[in-house]
Amino acid sequence: MNNARQEPLVPSNKDSFIIIKPRSQDCKIVNIVNLGITTDSVVATVTINTKETMGKIVVYWGDDSIDTLRLLPGALSPPIVNPGTDEPLPAGVYQFNHAYEVPETEGSYVKGKPFEKTIQIAIYDTNGLIDYRFEVITITPRYRVIIYPLKVTDIYECEWFFSNDLSGEFRITRAIADEPEKQWDWDPPFLQADHPSLLLEGSGYFKEMEMDDGNLSIQYHVQEFDDWPNGDDSITFKIQMHPSHGSDPVVRTVGIDCKLGISYDRNVKLLIPLPPNGSGALYKKL
């Protein structure tokens, strides 16, 4: 014997409520044939493929920003080109782009680290029925870290440089991540009286990096070749690249016995790879 009690389908005090009846139409709306969401640095792209012309598409980006595209009957579609190609978007494809602000450091979150947003999409057909979707995405900011050409601003306490008898030659070798990849040779004038200022042409370097990447090490090895036995000196120093280092001029002294004064400019730029039209919608109606 089944003693389970069934809850009543209608409340006993139904007379105190306004009764709202369900629609007689099927509520399973499938206006979307395909939905794709991609991210690139702080830019999110929503691509929607619909089965027929829609009345309205609304994208809620999760940061108080909303894009609304109203597709009125008979309205002309703009001549839209698929970003990065010369091909137009196919008919019935709608593309929305949005750039997020990087949150400031707060609590356990460190500025520049990945963060999450919830995107909500509502698609209204021409009868007013809604196809509603949402998706949680991860935004990973990407930065271009730039080291501008290296300058040697001073040379001092180096016996070979001020020798009255002999002159030396320099070879400067640069290694990126421990791999030698560029060299400069310099033969200073004999009996150099003033401290020179040198610019290493072509020594600028940039790399796209994320905040969770480790430091990228740029190593310089300065080798001096004397005309006398056992007179060679060398200096090795490193420049570290990382988005957290910020944009500042850097001035340092490197070396122990023989010292060099070096300087370079450093710049960190957030990458915002929006298409040429910027934020908003690209589309071609069916």
C-alpha atoms as a PDB file:
ATOM      1  CA  MET A   1       0.000   0.000   0.000  1.00  0.00           C
ATOM      2  CA  ASN A   2       1.383   3.342  -1.017  1.00  0.00           C
ATOM      3  CA  ASN A   3       0.921   5.796   1.844  1.00  0.00           C
ATOM      4  CA  ALA A   4       2.730   8.644   0.074  1.00  0.00           C
ATOM      5  CA  ARG A   5       0.702  11.815  -0.059  1.00  0.00           C
ATOM      6  CA  GLN A   6       0.626  13.948  -3.175  1.00  0.00           C
ATOM      7  CA  GLU A   7       0.805  17.711  -2.848  1.00  0.00           C
ATOM      8  CA  PRO A   8      -2.273  19.368  -4.323  1.00  0.00           C
ATOM      9  CA  LEU A   9      -1.729  20.840  -7.795  1.00  0.00           C
ATOM     10  CA  VAL A  10      -3.845  23.850  -6.851  1.00  0.00           C
ATOM     11  CA  PRO A  11      -3.416  25.729  -3.557  1.00  0.00           C
ATOM     12  CA  SER A  12      -6.393  25.530  -1.250  1.00  0.00           C
ATOM     13  CA  ASN A  13      -6.672  29.300  -1.121  1.00  0.00           C
ATOM     14  CA  LYS A  14      -6.531  29.781  -4.908  1.00  0.00           C
ATOM     15  CA  ASP A  15      -9.360  32.306  -4.801  1.00  0.00           C
ATOM     16  CA  SER A  16      -6.964  34.836  -3.239  1.00  0.00           C
ATOM     17  CA  PHE A  17      -4.604  34.674  -6.270  1.00  0.00           C
ATOM     18  CA  ILE A  18      -4.770  36.017  -9.786  1.00  0.00           C
ATOM     19  CA  ILE A  19      -4.418  32.950 -11.950  1.00  0.00           C
ATOM     20  CA  ILE A  20      -2.000  33.228 -14.922  1.00  0.00           C
ATOM     21  CA  LYS A  21      -2.368  30.405 -17.423  1.00  0.00           C
ATOM     22  CA  PRO A  22       0.565  29.036 -19.465  1.00  0.00           C
ATOM     23  CA  ARG A  23       0.884  29.817 -23.153  1.00  0.00           C
ATOM     24  CA  SER A  24      -0.565  27.230 -25.466  1.00  0.00           C
ATOM     25  CA  GLN A  25       2.483  27.467 -27.772  1.00  0.00           C
ATOM     26  CA  ASP A  26       5.590  25.326 -27.401  1.00  0.00           C
ATOM     27  CA  CYS A  27       8.013  27.190 -25.132  1.00  0.00           C
ATOM     28  CA  LYS A  28      11.061  25.375 -26.487  1.00  0.00           C
ATOM     29  CA  ILE A  29      12.475  28.117 -28.660  1.00  0.00           C
ATOM     30  CA  VAL A  30      15.475  27.359 -30.835  1.00  0.00           C
ATOM     31  CA  ASN A  31      16.360  30.566 -32.628  1.00  0.00           C
ATOM     32  CA  ILE A  32      20.100  29.820 -32.377  1.00  0.00           C
ATOM     33  CA  VAL A  33      21.655  27.317 -34.756  1.00  0.00           C
ATOM     34  CA  ASN A  34      25.155  27.878 -33.403  1.00  0.00           C
ATOM     35  CA  LEU A  35      26.626  30.007 -30.611  1.00  0.00           C
ATOM     36  CA  GLY A  36      30.350  30.622 -30.189  1.00  0.00           C
ATOM     37  CA  ILE A  37      32.131  32.750 -27.583  1.00  0.00           C
ATOM     38  CA  THR A  38      35.857  33.390 -27.830  1.00  0.00           C
ATOM     39  CA  THR A  39      38.264  35.636 -25.941  1.00  0.00           C
ATOM     40  CA  ASP A  40      41.503  37.341 -26.923  1.00  0.00           C
ATOM     41  CA  SER A  41      43.185  39.297 -24.143  1.00  0.00           C
ATOM     42  CA  VAL A  42      40.382  41.503 -22.738  1.00  0.00           C
ATOM     43  CA  VAL A  43      38.153  41.241 -25.831  1.00  0.00           C
ATOM     44  CA  ALA A  44      35.228  38.823 -25.954  1.00  0.00           C
ATOM     45  CA  THR A  45      33.538  37.925 -29.248  1.00  0.00           C
ATOM     46  CA  VAL A  46      30.059  36.410 -29.437  1.00  0.00           C
ATOM     47  CA  THR A  47      29.138  34.845 -32.786  1.00  0.00           C
ATOM     48  CA  ILE A  48      25.533  33.774 -33.306  1.00  0.00           C
ATOM     49  CA  ASN A  49      24.130  31.862 -36.259  1.00  0.00           C
ATOM     50  CA  THR A  50      20.333  32.001 -36.494  1.00  0.00           C
ATOM     51  CA  LYS A  51      17.901  29.961 -38.543  1.00  0.00           C
ATOM     52  CA  GLU A  52      15.837  32.946 -39.640  1.00  0.00           C
ATOM     53  CA  THR A  53      15.722  36.713 -39.369  1.00  0.00           C
ATOM     54  CA  MET A  54      15.429  37.775 -35.747  1.00  0.00           C
ATOM     55  CA  GLY A  55      13.585  40.743 -34.297  1.00  0.00           C
ATOM     56  CA  LYS A  56      16.135  41.682 -31.639  1.00  0.00           C
ATOM     57  CA  ILE A  57      19.362  40.384 -30.088  1.00  0.00           C
ATOM     58  CA  VAL A  58      20.570  41.550 -26.670  1.00  0.00           C
ATOM     59  CA  VAL A  59      23.987  40.701 -25.212  1.00  0.00           C
ATOM     60  CA  TYR A  60      24.610  41.369 -21.518  1.00  0.00           C
ATOM     61  CA  TRP A  61      28.384  41.358 -21.022  1.00  0.00           C
ATOM     62  CA  GLY A  62      28.400  40.966 -17.236  1.00  0.00           C
ATOM     63  CA  ASP A  63      30.029  44.345 -16.507  1.00  0.00           C
ATOM     64  CA  ASP A  64      26.942  46.570 -16.778  1.00  0.00           C
ATOM     65  CA  SER A  65      27.486  46.877 -20.553  1.00  0.00           C
ATOM     66  CA  ILE A  66      24.690  45.855 -22.929  1.00  0.00           C
ATOM     67  CA  ASP A  67      24.620  45.637 -26.723  1.00  0.00           C
ATOM     68  CA  THR A  68      21.190  45.633 -28.368  1.00  0.00           C
ATOM     69  CA  LEU A  69      20.665  44.952 -32.060  1.00  0.00           C
ATOM     70  CA  ARG A  70      17.171  45.600 -33.407  1.00  0.00           C
ATOM     71  CA  LEU A  71      16.493  43.984 -36.767  1.00  0.00           C
ATOM     72  CA  LEU A  72      13.395  45.665 -38.121  1.00  0.00           C
ATOM     73  CA  PRO A  73      11.609  44.084 -41.107  1.00  0.00           C
ATOM     74  CA  GLY A  74      12.899  45.537 -44.361  1.00  0.00           C
ATOM     75  CA  ALA A  75      15.941  47.180 -42.748  1.00  0.00           C
ATOM     76  CA  LEU A  76      19.084  47.063 -44.849  1.00  0.00           C
ATOM     77  CA  SER A  77      22.115  45.252 -43.512  1.00  0.00           C
ATOM     78  CA  PRO A  78      25.436  47.116 -43.550  1.00  0.00           C
ATOM     79  CA  PRO A  79      28.233  45.711 -45.746  1.00  0.00           C
ATOM     80  CA  ILE A  80      30.098  43.846 -43.018  1.00  0.00           C
ATOM     81  CA  VAL A  81      33.454  42.146 -43.536  1.00  0.00           C
ATOM     82  CA  ASN A  82      34.503  39.275 -41.300  1.00  0.00           C
ATOM     83  CA  PRO A  83      37.352  40.644 -39.116  1.00  0.00           C
ATOM     84  CA  GLY A  84      40.768  39.488 -40.286  1.00  0.00           C
ATOM     85  CA  THR A  85      39.540  38.450 -43.745  1.00  0.00           C
ATOM     86  CA  ASP A  86      38.223  39.965 -46.946  1.00  0.00           C
ATOM     87  CA  GLU A  87      35.122  37.764 -46.802  1.00  0.00           C
ATOM     88  CA  PRO A  88      31.731  39.083 -45.656  1.00  0.00           C
ATOM     89  CA  LEU A  89      29.946  37.459 -42.761  1.00  0.00           C
ATOM     90  CA  PRO A  90      27.496  34.788 -43.974  1.00  0.00           C
ATOM     91  CA  ALA A  91      23.805  35.709 -43.946  1.00  0.00           C
ATOM     92  CA  GLY A  92      22.207  35.080 -40.576  1.00  0.00           C
ATOM     93  CA  VAL A  93      25.484  35.443 -38.656  1.00  0.00           C
ATOM     94  CA  TYR A  94      25.663  38.114 -35.949  1.00  0.00           C
ATOM     95  CA  GLN A  95      28.910  39.013 -34.239  1.00  0.00           C
ATOM     96  CA  PHE A  96      29.343  41.150 -31.122  1.00  0.00           C
ATOM     97  CA  ASN A  97      32.653  42.390 -29.724  1.00  0.00           C
ATOM     98  CA  HIS A  98      33.351  43.869 -26.308  1.00  0.00           C
ATOM     99  CA  ALA A  99      36.476  45.027 -24.454  1.00  0.00           C
ATOM    100  CA  TYR A 100      36.546  44.598 -20.671  1.00  0.00           C
ATOM    101  CA  GLU A 101      38.260  46.836 -18.155  1.00  0.00           C
ATOM    102  CA  VAL A 102      40.903  45.051 -16.087  1.00  0.00           C
ATOM    103  CA  PRO A 103      39.740  45.089 -12.438  1.00  0.00           C
ATOM    104  CA  GLU A 104      41.906  46.772  -9.846  1.00  0.00           C
ATOM    105  CA  THR A 105      43.652  44.730  -7.172  1.00  0.00           C
ATOM    106  CA  GLU A 106      41.137  43.826  -4.473  1.00  0.00           C
ATOM    107  CA  GLY A 107      41.128  41.059  -1.871  1.00  0.00           C
ATOM    108  CA  SER A 108      42.823  37.973  -3.292  1.00  0.00           C
ATOM    109  CA  TYR A 109      42.619  39.276  -6.866  1.00  0.00           C
ATOM    110  CA  VAL A 110      45.748  40.863  -8.355  1.00  0.00           C
ATOM    111  CA  LYS A 111      45.305  43.319 -11.217  1.00  0.00           C
ATOM    112  CA  GLY A 112      46.154  41.767 -14.575  1.00  0.00           C
ATOM    113  CA  LYS A 113      45.372  38.184 -13.548  1.00  0.00           C
ATOM    114  CA  PRO A 114      42.583  36.226 -15.304  1.00  0.00           C
ATOM    115  CA  PHE A 115      39.030  37.041 -14.206  1.00  0.00           C
ATOM    116  CA  GLU A 116      35.564  35.641 -14.968  1.00  0.00           C
ATOM    117  CA  LYS A 117      32.447  37.218 -16.437  1.00  0.00           C
ATOM    118  CA  THR A 118      28.998  35.797 -17.177  1.00  0.00           C
ATOM    119  CA  ILE A 119      27.629  36.617 -20.627  1.00  0.00           C
ATOM    120  CA  GLN A 120      23.857  36.447 -21.133  1.00  0.00           C
ATOM    121  CA  ILE A 121      22.254  36.447 -24.576  1.00  0.00           C
ATOM    122  CA  ALA A 122      18.573  36.977 -25.400  1.00  0.00           C
ATOM    123  CA  ILE A 123      17.376  36.478 -28.972  1.00  0.00           C
ATOM    124  CA  TYR A 124      13.858  37.565 -29.876  1.00  0.00           C
ATOM    125  CA  ASP A 125      12.256  36.237 -33.019  1.00  0.00           C
ATOM    126  CA  THR A 126       9.778  38.281 -35.043  1.00  0.00           C
ATOM    127  CA  ASN A 127       6.903  36.803 -32.996  1.00  0.00           C
ATOM    128  CA  GLY A 128       8.423  38.010 -29.728  1.00  0.00           C
ATOM    129  CA  LEU A 129       9.517  34.565 -28.510  1.00  0.00           C
ATOM    130  CA  ILE A 130      12.879  34.477 -26.725  1.00  0.00           C
ATOM    131  CA  ASP A 131      15.811  32.075 -26.957  1.00  0.00           C
ATOM    132  CA  TYR A 132      17.912  32.721 -23.840  1.00  0.00           C
ATOM    133  CA  ARG A 133      21.488  31.515 -23.216  1.00  0.00           C
ATOM    134  CA  PHE A 134      24.296  32.287 -20.779  1.00  0.00           C
ATOM    135  CA  GLU A 135      27.926  31.270 -20.421  1.00  0.00           C
ATOM    136  CA  VAL A 136      30.734  31.931 -17.939  1.00  0.00           C
ATOM    137  CA  ILE A 137      33.965  33.017 -19.652  1.00  0.00           C
ATOM    138  CA  THR A 138      37.513  33.604 -18.429  1.00  0.00           C
ATOM    139  CA  ILE A 139      39.238  36.805 -19.510  1.00  0.00           C
ATOM    140  CA  THR A 140      43.046  36.604 -19.549  1.00  0.00           C
ATOM    141  CA  PRO A 141      44.632  40.026 -20.118  1.00  0.00           C
ATOM    142  CA  ARG A 142      47.644  40.021 -22.416  1.00  0.00           C
ATOM    143  CA  TYR A 143      50.294  42.701 -22.504  1.00  0.00           C
ATOM    144  CA  ARG A 144      52.987  43.854 -24.908  1.00  0.00           C
ATOM    145  CA  VAL A 145      56.147  44.369 -22.858  1.00  0.00           C
ATOM    146  CA  ILE A 146      58.693  46.566 -24.648  1.00  0.00           C
ATOM    147  CA  ILE A 147      62.349  47.146 -23.804  1.00  0.00           C
ATOM    148  CA  TYR A 148      63.691  50.029 -25.881  1.00  0.00           C
ATOM    149  CA  PRO A 149      67.298  50.088 -27.179  1.00  0.00           C
ATOM    150  CA  LEU A 150      70.001  49.811 -24.538  1.00  0.00           C
ATOM    151  CA  LYS A 151      72.236  52.805 -23.825  1.00  0.00           C
ATOM    152  CA  VAL A 152      75.646  52.666 -22.149  1.00  0.00           C
ATOM    153  CA  THR A 153      75.864  56.002 -20.379  1.00  0.00           C
ATOM    154  CA  ASP A 154      79.163  55.630 -18.527  1.00  0.00           C
ATOM    155  CA  ILE A 155      82.297  53.505 -18.335  1.00  0.00           C
ATOM    156  CA  TYR A 156      84.468  53.889 -15.260  1.00  0.00           C
ATOM    157  CA  GLU A 157      86.998  52.130 -13.065  1.00  0.00           C
ATOM    158  CA  CYS A 158      88.092  50.155 -16.101  1.00  0.00           C
ATOM    159  CA  GLU A 159      91.889  50.183 -16.423  1.00  0.00           C
ATOM    160  CA  TRP A 160      91.868  49.045 -20.039  1.00  0.00           C
ATOM    161  CA  PHE A 161      89.773  52.021 -21.097  1.00  0.00           C
ATOM    162  CA  PHE A 162      92.174  54.627 -19.773  1.00  0.00           C
ATOM    163  CA  SER A 163      95.422  52.822 -20.573  1.00  0.00           C
ATOM    164  CA  ASN A 164      98.177  55.061 -21.926  1.00  0.00           C
ATOM    165  CA  ASP A 165      99.752  52.188 -23.779  1.00  0.00           C
ATOM    166  CA  LEU A 166      97.078  49.912 -25.092  1.00  0.00           C
ATOM    167  CA  SER A 167      93.498  49.970 -26.315  1.00  0.00           C
ATOM    168  CA  GLY A 168      90.889  47.255 -26.129  1.00  0.00           C
ATOM    169  CA  GLU A 169      88.018  46.053 -28.252  1.00  0.00           C
ATOM    170  CA  PHE A 170      84.533  45.203 -27.051  1.00  0.00           C
ATOM    171  CA  ARG A 171      82.156  42.474 -28.068  1.00  0.00           C
ATOM    172  CA  ILE A 172      78.657  42.657 -26.610  1.00  0.00           C
ATOM    173  CA  THR A 173      76.539  39.495 -26.881  1.00  0.00           C
ATOM    174  CA  ARG A 174      72.839  39.332 -26.098  1.00  0.00           C
ATOM    175  CA  ALA A 175      71.021  36.136 -25.140  1.00  0.00           C
ATOM    176  CA  ILE A 176      67.238  35.778 -24.893  1.00  0.00           C
ATOM    177  CA  ALA A 177      66.154  33.019 -22.484  1.00  0.00           C
ATOM    178  CA  ASP A 178      69.788  31.782 -22.445  1.00  0.00           C
ATOM    179  CA  GLU A 179      69.986  31.586 -26.257  1.00  0.00           C
ATOM    180  CA  PRO A 180      72.637  33.927 -27.813  1.00  0.00           C
ATOM    181  CA  GLU A 181      71.051  35.737 -30.749  1.00  0.00           C
ATOM    182  CA  LYS A 182      72.774  39.092 -31.426  1.00  0.00           C
ATOM    183  CA  GLN A 183      76.233  40.709 -31.131  1.00  0.00           C
ATOM    184  CA  TRP A 184      77.768  44.187 -31.346  1.00  0.00           C
ATOM    185  CA  ASP A 185      81.464  45.032 -31.764  1.00  0.00           C
ATOM    186  CA  TRP A 186      83.013  48.316 -30.662  1.00  0.00           C
ATOM    187  CA  ASP A 187      86.600  49.489 -31.059  1.00  0.00           C
ATOM    188  CA  PRO A 188      86.942  52.630 -28.911  1.00  0.00           C
ATOM    189  CA  PRO A 189      89.313  55.393 -29.977  1.00  0.00           C
ATOM    190  CA  PHE A 190      92.814  55.191 -28.527  1.00  0.00           C
ATOM    191  CA  LEU A 191      93.353  57.320 -25.409  1.00  0.00           C
ATOM    192  CA  GLN A 192      89.652  58.049 -25.001  1.00  0.00           C
ATOM    193  CA  ALA A 193      89.452  61.078 -22.733  1.00  0.00           C
ATOM    194  CA  ASP A 194      85.711  61.356 -22.116  1.00  0.00           C
ATOM    195  CA  HIS A 195      83.267  58.770 -20.923  1.00  0.00           C
ATOM    196  CA  PRO A 196      81.299  57.713 -24.026  1.00  0.00           C
ATOM    197  CA  SER A 197      77.549  57.338 -24.416  1.00  0.00           C
ATOM    198  CA  LEU A 198      76.761  54.338 -26.573  1.00  0.00           C
ATOM    199  CA  LEU A 199      73.471  53.229 -28.148  1.00  0.00           C
ATOM    200  CA  LEU A 200      73.160  49.581 -29.172  1.00  0.00           C
ATOM    201  CA  GLU A 201      71.267  49.819 -32.433  1.00  0.00           C
ATOM    202  CA  GLY A 202      68.650  47.089 -32.833  1.00  0.00           C
ATOM    203  CA  SER A 203      68.740  46.128 -29.154  1.00  0.00           C
ATOM    204  CA  GLY A 204      65.073  46.922 -28.571  1.00  0.00           C
ATOM    205  CA  TYR A 205      62.902  43.901 -27.840  1.00  0.00           C
ATOM    206  CA  PHE A 206      59.230  43.195 -27.170  1.00  0.00           C
ATOM    207  CA  LYS A 207      57.144  40.194 -26.216  1.00  0.00           C
ATOM    208  CA  GLU A 208      53.459  39.563 -25.580  1.00  0.00           C
ATOM    209  CA  MET A 209      53.034  38.234 -22.051  1.00  0.00           C
ATOM    210  CA  GLU A 210      50.386  37.376 -19.476  1.00  0.00           C
ATOM    211  CA  MET A 211      50.595  38.178 -15.794  1.00  0.00           C
ATOM    212  CA  ASP A 212      50.974  34.490 -14.897  1.00  0.00           C
ATOM    213  CA  ASP A 213      54.023  34.127 -17.159  1.00  0.00           C
ATOM    214  CA  GLY A 214      57.429  33.965 -15.531  1.00  0.00           C
ATOM    215  CA  ASN A 215      60.080  36.635 -16.083  1.00  0.00           C
ATOM    216  CA  LEU A 216      61.775  36.634 -19.471  1.00  0.00           C
ATOM    217  CA  SER A 217      65.510  37.134 -19.015  1.00  0.00           C
ATOM    218  CA  ILE A 218      67.610  39.180 -21.456  1.00  0.00           C
ATOM    219  CA  GLN A 219      71.290  38.682 -20.712  1.00  0.00           C
ATOM    220  CA  TYR A 220      74.123  40.884 -21.933  1.00  0.00           C
ATOM    221  CA  HIS A 221      77.746  39.798 -21.835  1.00  0.00           C
ATOM    222  CA  VAL A 222      80.320  42.550 -22.425  1.00  0.00           C
ATOM    223  CA  GLN A 223      83.735  41.118 -23.279  1.00  0.00           C
ATOM    224  CA  GLU A 224      86.843  43.303 -23.584  1.00  0.00           C
ATOM    225  CA  PHE A 225      89.868  42.046 -25.529  1.00  0.00           C
ATOM    226  CA  ASP A 226      93.196  43.627 -24.571  1.00  0.00           C
ATOM    227  CA  ASP A 227      96.417  43.682 -26.519  1.00  0.00           C
ATOM    228  CA  TRP A 228      98.257  42.365 -23.481  1.00  0.00           C
ATOM    229  CA  PRO A 229      98.202  38.876 -21.912  1.00  0.00           C
ATOM    230  CA  ASN A 230      95.563  38.172 -19.252  1.00  0.00           C
ATOM    231  CA  GLY A 231      94.192  41.687 -19.590  1.00  0.00           C
ATOM    232  CA  ASP A 232      90.701  40.757 -20.785  1.00  0.00           C
ATOM    233  CA  ASP A 233      87.745  41.849 -18.660  1.00  0.00           C
ATOM    234  CA  SER A 234      84.064  41.008 -18.894  1.00  0.00           C
ATOM    235  CA  ILE A 235      80.752  42.131 -17.430  1.00  0.00           C
ATOM    236  CA  THR A 236      77.497  40.165 -17.461  1.00  0.00           C
ATOM    237  CA  PHE A 237      74.123  41.612 -16.525  1.00  0.00           C
ATOM    238  CA  LYS A 238      70.444  40.776 -17.020  1.00  0.00           C
ATOM    239  CA  ILE A 239      67.282  42.670 -17.862  1.00  0.00           C
ATOM    240  CA  GLN A 240      64.061  41.019 -16.685  1.00  0.00           C
ATOM    241  CA  MET A 241      60.820  41.436 -18.634  1.00  0.00           C
ATOM    242  CA  HIS A 242      57.364  41.031 -17.067  1.00  0.00           C
ATOM    243  CA  PRO A 243      54.028  42.911 -17.302  1.00  0.00           C
ATOM    244  CA  SER A 244      54.102  43.664 -13.566  1.00  0.00           C
ATOM    245  CA  HIS A 245      57.237  45.791 -13.955  1.00  0.00           C
ATOM    246  CA  GLY A 246      55.274  48.684 -15.420  1.00  0.00           C
ATOM    247  CA  SER A 247      56.364  51.520 -17.709  1.00  0.00           C
ATOM    248  CA  ASP A 248      59.396  53.397 -16.416  1.00  0.00           C
ATOM    249  CA  PRO A 249      62.864  54.500 -17.468  1.00  0.00           C
ATOM    250  CA  VAL A 250      65.533  52.303 -15.894  1.00  0.00           C
ATOM    251  CA  VAL A 251      69.017  53.499 -14.910  1.00  0.00           C
ATOM    252  CA  ARG A 252      71.502  51.030 -13.399  1.00  0.00           C
ATOM    253  CA  THR A 253      75.167  50.474 -12.734  1.00  0.00           C
ATOM    254  CA  VAL A 254      76.434  46.978 -13.554  1.00  0.00           C
ATOM    255  CA  GLY A 255      79.759  45.284 -12.975  1.00  0.00           C
ATOM    256  CA  ILE A 256      82.101  44.956  -9.980  1.00  0.00           C
ATOM    257  CA  ASP A 257      85.667  46.002 -10.751  1.00  0.00           C
ATOM    258  CA  CYS A 258      84.966  47.434 -14.178  1.00  0.00           C
ATOM    259  CA  LYS A 259      81.569  49.128 -14.198  1.00  0.00           C
ATOM    260  CA  LEU A 260      79.095  50.277 -16.810  1.00  0.00           C
ATOM    261  CA  GLY A 261      76.250  52.718 -16.438  1.00  0.00           C
ATOM    262  CA  ILE A 262      73.278  51.515 -18.490  1.00  0.00           C
ATOM    263  CA  SER A 263      69.805  52.862 -19.161  1.00  0.00           C
ATOM    264  CA  TYR A 264      66.739  51.871 -21.159  1.00  0.00           C
ATOM    265  CA  ASP A 265      63.058  52.716 -21.372  1.00  0.00           C
ATOM    266  CA  ARG A 266      60.444  50.109 -20.532  1.00  0.00           C
ATOM    267  CA  ASN A 267      56.797  50.135 -21.595  1.00  0.00           C
ATOM    268  CA  VAL A 268      53.913  47.779 -20.769  1.00  0.00           C
ATOM    269  CA  LYS A 269      50.758  48.084 -22.883  1.00  0.00           C
ATOM    270  CA  LEU A 270      47.479  46.203 -22.473  1.00  0.00           C
ATOM    271  CA  LEU A 271      46.452  44.563 -25.762  1.00  0.00           C
ATOM    272  CA  ILE A 272      42.869  45.338 -26.831  1.00  0.00           C
ATOM    273  CA  PRO A 273      42.448  43.502 -30.174  1.00  0.00           C
ATOM    274  CA  LEU A 274      39.086  44.894 -31.235  1.00  0.00           C
ATOM    275  CA  PRO A 275      38.160  44.744 -34.939  1.00  0.00           C
ATOM    276  CA  PRO A 276      38.360  47.979 -36.958  1.00  0.00           C
ATOM    277  CA  ASN A 277      34.758  48.869 -36.153  1.00  0.00           C
ATOM    278  CA  GLY A 278      35.478  48.651 -32.404  1.00  0.00           C
ATOM    279  CA  SER A 279      32.912  47.334 -29.939  1.00  0.00           C
ATOM    280  CA  GLY A 280      29.371  46.512 -30.984  1.00  0.00           C
ATOM    281  CA  ALA A 281      27.705  44.300 -33.564  1.00  0.00           C
ATOM    282  CA  LEU A 282      28.620  43.009 -37.005  1.00  0.00           C
ATOM    283  CA  TYR A 283      25.909  41.237 -38.934  1.00  0.00           C
ATOM    284  CA  LYS A 284      24.261  40.349 -42.213  1.00  0.00           C
ATOM    285  CA  LYS A 285      20.561  39.573 -42.104  1.00  0.00           C
ATOM    286  CA  LEU A 286      18.951  36.596 -43.743  1.00  0.00           C
END
